[in-house]
Amino acid sequence: MKKVIASLLLTLVTSACYGHDNPALVERIAELEKEVADLKAAVAPVMANAKAEQRLEGQRKKAKERMRKDSEHYSRNELMDIESLYQVANKQWRTQEGKDSLEKLIKKYDHANRTGCALLYLGQMSTGKEREDYLKRAIADFGDCFYGDGVQVGAYARYYLACHYKEEGQTGEAKELFEEIAEKYPDAIDHKGKFLAEHMDK
């Protein structure tokens, strides 16, 4: 597609240089200009989608790299225990058993990638000051953690904390966090693969 556009542009430039006093060439130039414009319009969505997919893949790659680091700190059995504790809450969302399992995970494995996810989960499950505390801890101590789908804890926790502040009428704090996400985490995504910076209400 790029080669087609380049060829049309070359023809257009050549025609413009030699055909300014030829009515037929002037008409052809106008036709070429329209063709180039139409091609650019057709290519733009494809290029945008390709760029977005590249950004998404970058987030997923970071997630895999972060998860691999856990093998440097924990044994295979510990990693299995971490995942087991995490999955209790993942399968029993918002239940007391799920929350207890996440709390146990946080207390027992304070450097694991899943611990960051657990804190964010607890923040989502909680309300009021408790929610704020969980989210702030996730941001401060586990911001580099990732879910397997490429969602970064540091960015997503900021998003939820900003939404919490907005609900509480703390618009200044919310605005500051939204701006921080847009500036520092432009490629951060939610669990649907949407970029936070592009769909959040600032």
C-alpha atoms as a PDB file:
ATOM      1  CA  MET A   1       0.000   0.000   0.000  1.00  0.00           C
ATOM      2  CA  LYS A   2       2.848   2.397   0.796  1.00  0.00           C
ATOM      3  CA  LYS A   3       4.418   1.629  -2.585  1.00  0.00           C
ATOM      4  CA  VAL A   4       1.140   2.453  -4.327  1.00  0.00           C
ATOM      5  CA  ILE A   5       0.899   5.781  -2.561  1.00  0.00           C
ATOM      6  CA  ALA A   6       4.548   6.559  -3.321  1.00  0.00           C
ATOM      7  CA  SER A   7       3.994   5.774  -6.991  1.00  0.00           C
ATOM      8  CA  LEU A   8       0.959   8.010  -7.132  1.00  0.00           C
ATOM      9  CA  LEU A   9       2.825  10.812  -5.409  1.00  0.00           C
ATOM     10  CA  LEU A  10       5.709  10.507  -7.876  1.00  0.00           C
ATOM     11  CA  THR A  11       3.285  10.680 -10.780  1.00  0.00           C
ATOM     12  CA  LEU A  12       1.579  13.631  -9.155  1.00  0.00           C
ATOM     13  CA  VAL A  13       4.837  15.531  -8.657  1.00  0.00           C
ATOM     14  CA  THR A  14       5.998  14.790 -12.200  1.00  0.00           C
ATOM     15  CA  SER A  15       2.679  15.930 -13.628  1.00  0.00           C
ATOM     16  CA  ALA A  16       2.737  19.095 -11.546  1.00  0.00           C
ATOM     17  CA  CYS A  17       6.236  19.964 -12.766  1.00  0.00           C
ATOM     18  CA  TYR A  18       5.538  19.525 -16.449  1.00  0.00           C
ATOM     19  CA  GLY A  19       1.827  19.927 -16.923  1.00  0.00           C
ATOM     20  CA  HIS A  20       0.843  23.245 -15.338  1.00  0.00           C
ATOM     21  CA  ASP A  21      -0.132  24.686 -18.744  1.00  0.00           C
ATOM     22  CA  ASN A  22      -1.846  21.543 -20.054  1.00  0.00           C
ATOM     23  CA  PRO A  23      -5.582  21.311 -19.183  1.00  0.00           C
ATOM     24  CA  ALA A  24      -5.609  17.500 -19.516  1.00  0.00           C
ATOM     25  CA  LEU A  25      -2.671  17.137 -17.153  1.00  0.00           C
ATOM     26  CA  VAL A  26      -4.204  19.610 -14.703  1.00  0.00           C
ATOM     27  CA  GLU A  27      -7.316  17.432 -14.640  1.00  0.00           C
ATOM     28  CA  ARG A  28      -5.174  14.325 -14.192  1.00  0.00           C
ATOM     29  CA  ILE A  29      -3.352  15.993 -11.286  1.00  0.00           C
ATOM     30  CA  ALA A  30      -6.694  16.629  -9.607  1.00  0.00           C
ATOM     31  CA  GLU A  31      -7.651  12.974 -10.092  1.00  0.00           C
ATOM     32  CA  LEU A  32      -4.329  11.800  -8.648  1.00  0.00           C
ATOM     33  CA  GLU A  33      -4.702  14.076  -5.652  1.00  0.00           C
ATOM     34  CA  LYS A  34      -8.103  12.523  -4.941  1.00  0.00           C
ATOM     35  CA  GLU A  35      -6.711   9.010  -5.352  1.00  0.00           C
ATOM     36  CA  VAL A  36      -3.896   9.753  -2.894  1.00  0.00           C
ATOM     37  CA  ALA A  37      -6.356  11.242  -0.390  1.00  0.00           C
ATOM     38  CA  ASP A  38      -8.680   8.220  -0.711  1.00  0.00           C
ATOM     39  CA  LEU A  39      -5.795   5.788  -0.253  1.00  0.00           C
ATOM     40  CA  LYS A  40      -4.549   7.616   2.834  1.00  0.00           C
ATOM     41  CA  ALA A  41      -8.055   7.524   4.306  1.00  0.00           C
ATOM     42  CA  ALA A  42      -8.327   3.798   3.598  1.00  0.00           C
ATOM     43  CA  VAL A  43      -4.901   3.001   5.052  1.00  0.00           C
ATOM     44  CA  ALA A  44      -5.247   5.133   8.209  1.00  0.00           C
ATOM     45  CA  PRO A  45      -7.511   2.703  10.188  1.00  0.00           C
ATOM     46  CA  VAL A  46      -5.323  -0.277   9.236  1.00  0.00           C
ATOM     47  CA  MET A  47      -2.182   1.531  10.362  1.00  0.00           C
ATOM     48  CA  ALA A  48      -3.868   2.669  13.581  1.00  0.00           C
ATOM     49  CA  ASN A  49      -4.968  -0.893  14.391  1.00  0.00           C
ATOM     50  CA  ALA A  50      -1.487  -2.235  13.687  1.00  0.00           C
ATOM     51  CA  LYS A  51       0.062   0.382  15.965  1.00  0.00           C
ATOM     52  CA  ALA A  52      -2.468  -0.355  18.714  1.00  0.00           C
ATOM     53  CA  GLU A  53      -1.770  -4.092  18.485  1.00  0.00           C
ATOM     54  CA  GLN A  54       1.950  -3.396  18.716  1.00  0.00           C
ATOM     55  CA  ARG A  55       1.376  -1.370  21.893  1.00  0.00           C
ATOM     56  CA  LEU A  56      -0.789  -4.143  23.344  1.00  0.00           C
ATOM     57  CA  GLU A  57       1.836  -6.741  22.568  1.00  0.00           C
ATOM     58  CA  GLY A  58       4.399  -4.566  24.330  1.00  0.00           C
ATOM     59  CA  GLN A  59       2.295  -4.626  27.506  1.00  0.00           C
ATOM     60  CA  ARG A  60       1.861  -8.390  27.317  1.00  0.00           C
ATOM     61  CA  LYS A  61       5.607  -8.823  26.880  1.00  0.00           C
ATOM     62  CA  LYS A  62       6.239  -6.732  30.005  1.00  0.00           C
ATOM     63  CA  ALA A  63       3.755  -8.906  31.889  1.00  0.00           C
ATOM     64  CA  LYS A  64       5.577 -12.096  30.908  1.00  0.00           C
ATOM     65  CA  GLU A  65       8.929 -10.608  31.903  1.00  0.00           C
ATOM     66  CA  ARG A  66       7.609  -9.551  35.316  1.00  0.00           C
ATOM     67  CA  MET A  67       6.036 -12.938  35.987  1.00  0.00           C
ATOM     68  CA  ARG A  68       9.288 -14.687  35.091  1.00  0.00           C
ATOM     69  CA  LYS A  69      11.089 -12.716  37.809  1.00  0.00           C
ATOM     70  CA  ASP A  70       9.131 -14.591  40.475  1.00  0.00           C
ATOM     71  CA  SER A  71      11.088 -17.742  39.648  1.00  0.00           C
ATOM     72  CA  GLU A  72      14.203 -15.954  40.898  1.00  0.00           C
ATOM     73  CA  HIS A  73      12.685 -15.495  44.357  1.00  0.00           C
ATOM     74  CA  TYR A  74      10.358 -18.449  44.835  1.00  0.00           C
ATOM     75  CA  SER A  75      10.559 -22.210  44.389  1.00  0.00           C
ATOM     76  CA  ARG A  76       8.218 -24.133  42.107  1.00  0.00           C
ATOM     77  CA  ASN A  77       6.130 -25.247  45.074  1.00  0.00           C
ATOM     78  CA  GLU A  78       5.873 -21.666  46.327  1.00  0.00           C
ATOM     79  CA  LEU A  79       4.832 -20.457  42.900  1.00  0.00           C
ATOM     80  CA  MET A  80       2.120 -23.122  42.817  1.00  0.00           C
ATOM     81  CA  ASP A  81       0.940 -22.033  46.268  1.00  0.00           C
ATOM     82  CA  ILE A  82       0.873 -18.376  45.166  1.00  0.00           C
ATOM     83  CA  GLU A  83      -1.247 -19.199  42.151  1.00  0.00           C
ATOM     84  CA  SER A  84      -3.537 -21.445  44.177  1.00  0.00           C
ATOM     85  CA  LEU A  85      -4.212 -18.701  46.732  1.00  0.00           C
ATOM     86  CA  TYR A  86      -4.812 -16.184  43.979  1.00  0.00           C
ATOM     87  CA  GLN A  87      -7.214 -18.391  42.044  1.00  0.00           C
ATOM     88  CA  VAL A  88      -9.474 -18.864  45.079  1.00  0.00           C
ATOM     89  CA  ALA A  89     -10.408 -15.192  44.819  1.00  0.00           C
ATOM     90  CA  ASN A  90     -10.361 -15.206  41.048  1.00  0.00           C
ATOM     91  CA  LYS A  91     -13.013 -17.952  41.038  1.00  0.00           C
ATOM     92  CA  GLN A  92     -14.932 -16.729  44.092  1.00  0.00           C
ATOM     93  CA  TRP A  93     -14.993 -13.005  43.442  1.00  0.00           C
ATOM     94  CA  ARG A  94     -16.097 -10.788  46.359  1.00  0.00           C
ATOM     95  CA  THR A  95     -16.639 -13.715  48.740  1.00  0.00           C
ATOM     96  CA  GLN A  96     -15.138 -13.704  52.220  1.00  0.00           C
ATOM     97  CA  GLU A  97     -13.214 -16.850  51.363  1.00  0.00           C
ATOM     98  CA  GLY A  98     -11.740 -15.110  48.353  1.00  0.00           C
ATOM     99  CA  LYS A  99     -10.731 -12.060  50.357  1.00  0.00           C
ATOM    100  CA  ASP A 100      -9.185 -14.230  53.084  1.00  0.00           C
ATOM    101  CA  SER A 101      -7.147 -16.097  50.484  1.00  0.00           C
ATOM    102  CA  LEU A 102      -5.844 -12.832  49.015  1.00  0.00           C
ATOM    103  CA  GLU A 103      -4.913 -11.567  52.470  1.00  0.00           C
ATOM    104  CA  LYS A 104      -2.995 -14.778  53.114  1.00  0.00           C
ATOM    105  CA  LEU A 105      -1.203 -14.394  49.791  1.00  0.00           C
ATOM    106  CA  ILE A 106      -0.191 -10.807  50.598  1.00  0.00           C
ATOM    107  CA  LYS A 107       1.081 -11.727  54.047  1.00  0.00           C
ATOM    108  CA  LYS A 108       2.970 -14.838  52.959  1.00  0.00           C
ATOM    109  CA  TYR A 109       4.500 -13.666  49.657  1.00  0.00           C
ATOM    110  CA  ASP A 110       5.352  -9.987  49.827  1.00  0.00           C
ATOM    111  CA  HIS A 111       7.433  -9.874  46.625  1.00  0.00           C
ATOM    112  CA  ALA A 112       5.300 -11.885  44.231  1.00  0.00           C
ATOM    113  CA  ASN A 113       3.774 -10.495  41.072  1.00  0.00           C
ATOM    114  CA  ARG A 114       0.412 -11.955  42.056  1.00  0.00           C
ATOM    115  CA  THR A 115       0.600 -10.040  45.347  1.00  0.00           C
ATOM    116  CA  GLY A 116       0.256  -6.800  43.439  1.00  0.00           C
ATOM    117  CA  CYS A 117      -2.756  -8.209  41.608  1.00  0.00           C
ATOM    118  CA  ALA A 118      -4.172  -9.379  44.945  1.00  0.00           C
ATOM    119  CA  LEU A 119      -3.924  -5.903  46.452  1.00  0.00           C
ATOM    120  CA  LEU A 120      -5.655  -4.398  43.451  1.00  0.00           C
ATOM    121  CA  TYR A 121      -8.384  -7.045  43.671  1.00  0.00           C
ATOM    122  CA  LEU A 122      -8.909  -6.220  47.340  1.00  0.00           C
ATOM    123  CA  GLY A 123      -9.098  -2.548  46.480  1.00  0.00           C
ATOM    124  CA  GLN A 124     -11.812  -3.296  43.941  1.00  0.00           C
ATOM    125  CA  MET A 125     -13.699  -5.439  46.454  1.00  0.00           C
ATOM    126  CA  SER A 126     -13.527  -2.886  49.254  1.00  0.00           C
ATOM    127  CA  THR A 127     -15.083   0.511  49.941  1.00  0.00           C
ATOM    128  CA  GLY A 128     -14.157   3.796  51.609  1.00  0.00           C
ATOM    129  CA  LYS A 129     -10.848   4.179  53.413  1.00  0.00           C
ATOM    130  CA  GLU A 130     -10.091   0.469  53.108  1.00  0.00           C
ATOM    131  CA  ARG A 131     -10.309   0.710  49.300  1.00  0.00           C
ATOM    132  CA  GLU A 132      -8.050   3.745  49.270  1.00  0.00           C
ATOM    133  CA  ASP A 133      -5.459   2.029  51.470  1.00  0.00           C
ATOM    134  CA  TYR A 134      -5.310  -1.122  49.328  1.00  0.00           C
ATOM    135  CA  LEU A 135      -4.975   0.854  46.111  1.00  0.00           C
ATOM    136  CA  LYS A 136      -2.313   3.165  47.529  1.00  0.00           C
ATOM    137  CA  ARG A 137      -0.288   0.176  48.704  1.00  0.00           C
ATOM    138  CA  ALA A 138      -0.614  -1.459  45.290  1.00  0.00           C
ATOM    139  CA  ILE A 139       0.686   1.724  43.670  1.00  0.00           C
ATOM    140  CA  ALA A 140       3.521   2.302  46.132  1.00  0.00           C
ATOM    141  CA  ASP A 141       4.868  -1.236  46.514  1.00  0.00           C
ATOM    142  CA  PHE A 142       3.666  -3.290  43.548  1.00  0.00           C
ATOM    143  CA  GLY A 143       3.340  -0.850  40.660  1.00  0.00           C
ATOM    144  CA  ASP A 144       5.548  -2.987  38.402  1.00  0.00           C
ATOM    145  CA  CYS A 145       3.308  -6.062  38.716  1.00  0.00           C
ATOM    146  CA  PHE A 146       1.127  -7.253  35.838  1.00  0.00           C
ATOM    147  CA  TYR A 147      -1.892  -9.416  35.168  1.00  0.00           C
ATOM    148  CA  GLY A 148      -1.306 -12.021  32.486  1.00  0.00           C
ATOM    149  CA  ASP A 149      -3.331 -10.054  29.927  1.00  0.00           C
ATOM    150  CA  GLY A 150      -0.955  -7.070  30.124  1.00  0.00           C
ATOM    151  CA  VAL A 151      -2.799  -4.918  32.655  1.00  0.00           C
ATOM    152  CA  GLN A 152      -0.234  -3.129  34.842  1.00  0.00           C
ATOM    153  CA  VAL A 153      -1.065  -2.891  38.526  1.00  0.00           C
ATOM    154  CA  GLY A 154       0.500   0.547  38.989  1.00  0.00           C
ATOM    155  CA  ALA A 155      -1.530   2.137  36.208  1.00  0.00           C
ATOM    156  CA  TYR A 156      -4.788   0.292  36.870  1.00  0.00           C
ATOM    157  CA  ALA A 157      -4.666   0.947  40.601  1.00  0.00           C
ATOM    158  CA  ARG A 158      -4.233   4.653  39.848  1.00  0.00           C
ATOM    159  CA  TYR A 159      -7.255   4.466  37.579  1.00  0.00           C
ATOM    160  CA  TYR A 160      -9.422   2.867  40.265  1.00  0.00           C
ATOM    161  CA  LEU A 161      -8.139   5.258  42.911  1.00  0.00           C
ATOM    162  CA  ALA A 162      -8.935   8.209  40.647  1.00  0.00           C
ATOM    163  CA  CYS A 163     -12.457   6.863  40.130  1.00  0.00           C
ATOM    164  CA  HIS A 164     -12.781   6.407  43.900  1.00  0.00           C
ATOM    165  CA  TYR A 165     -11.712   9.983  44.538  1.00  0.00           C
ATOM    166  CA  LYS A 166     -14.130  11.230  41.916  1.00  0.00           C
ATOM    167  CA  GLU A 167     -17.001   9.346  43.586  1.00  0.00           C
ATOM    168  CA  GLU A 168     -15.979  10.895  46.906  1.00  0.00           C
ATOM    169  CA  GLY A 169     -15.998  14.391  45.425  1.00  0.00           C
ATOM    170  CA  GLN A 170     -12.202  14.718  45.552  1.00  0.00           C
ATOM    171  CA  THR A 171     -11.989  15.958  41.980  1.00  0.00           C
ATOM    172  CA  GLY A 172      -8.546  17.516  42.342  1.00  0.00           C
ATOM    173  CA  GLU A 173      -6.964  14.246  43.439  1.00  0.00           C
ATOM    174  CA  ALA A 174      -8.828  12.363  40.707  1.00  0.00           C
ATOM    175  CA  LYS A 175      -7.692  14.772  38.000  1.00  0.00           C
ATOM    176  CA  GLU A 176      -4.076  14.521  39.158  1.00  0.00           C
ATOM    177  CA  LEU A 177      -4.129  10.727  38.920  1.00  0.00           C
ATOM    178  CA  PHE A 178      -5.809  10.716  35.512  1.00  0.00           C
ATOM    179  CA  GLU A 179      -3.164  13.102  34.215  1.00  0.00           C
ATOM    180  CA  GLU A 180      -0.420  10.932  35.707  1.00  0.00           C
ATOM    181  CA  ILE A 181      -1.779   7.890  33.865  1.00  0.00           C
ATOM    182  CA  ALA A 182      -1.870   9.769  30.566  1.00  0.00           C
ATOM    183  CA  GLU A 183       1.673  11.066  31.047  1.00  0.00           C
ATOM    184  CA  LYS A 184       3.470   8.088  32.590  1.00  0.00           C
ATOM    185  CA  TYR A 185       1.410   5.130  31.361  1.00  0.00           C
ATOM    186  CA  PRO A 186       0.207   6.002  27.826  1.00  0.00           C
ATOM    187  CA  ASP A 187       0.213   2.320  26.812  1.00  0.00           C
ATOM    188  CA  ALA A 188      -1.538   1.015  29.945  1.00  0.00           C
ATOM    189  CA  ILE A 189      -4.658  -1.039  29.237  1.00  0.00           C
ATOM    190  CA  ASP A 190      -7.707  -2.395  31.024  1.00  0.00           C
ATOM    191  CA  HIS A 191      -8.808  -6.033  30.959  1.00  0.00           C
ATOM    192  CA  LYS A 192     -10.662  -5.478  27.679  1.00  0.00           C
ATOM    193  CA  GLY A 193      -7.477  -4.295  25.984  1.00  0.00           C
ATOM    194  CA  LYS A 194      -8.564  -0.646  25.857  1.00  0.00           C
ATOM    195  CA  PHE A 195      -5.978   2.034  26.541  1.00  0.00           C
ATOM    196  CA  LEU A 196      -6.716   3.766  29.842  1.00  0.00           C
ATOM    197  CA  ALA A 197      -5.462   7.134  28.656  1.00  0.00           C
ATOM    198  CA  GLU A 198      -7.896   7.120  25.737  1.00  0.00           C
ATOM    199  CA  HIS A 199     -11.178   6.184  27.403  1.00  0.00           C
ATOM    200  CA  MET A 200     -10.918   7.442  30.969  1.00  0.00           C
ATOM    201  CA  ASP A 201     -12.979  10.417  32.094  1.00  0.00           C
ATOM    202  CA  LYS A 202     -10.376  12.980  33.036  1.00  0.00           C
END
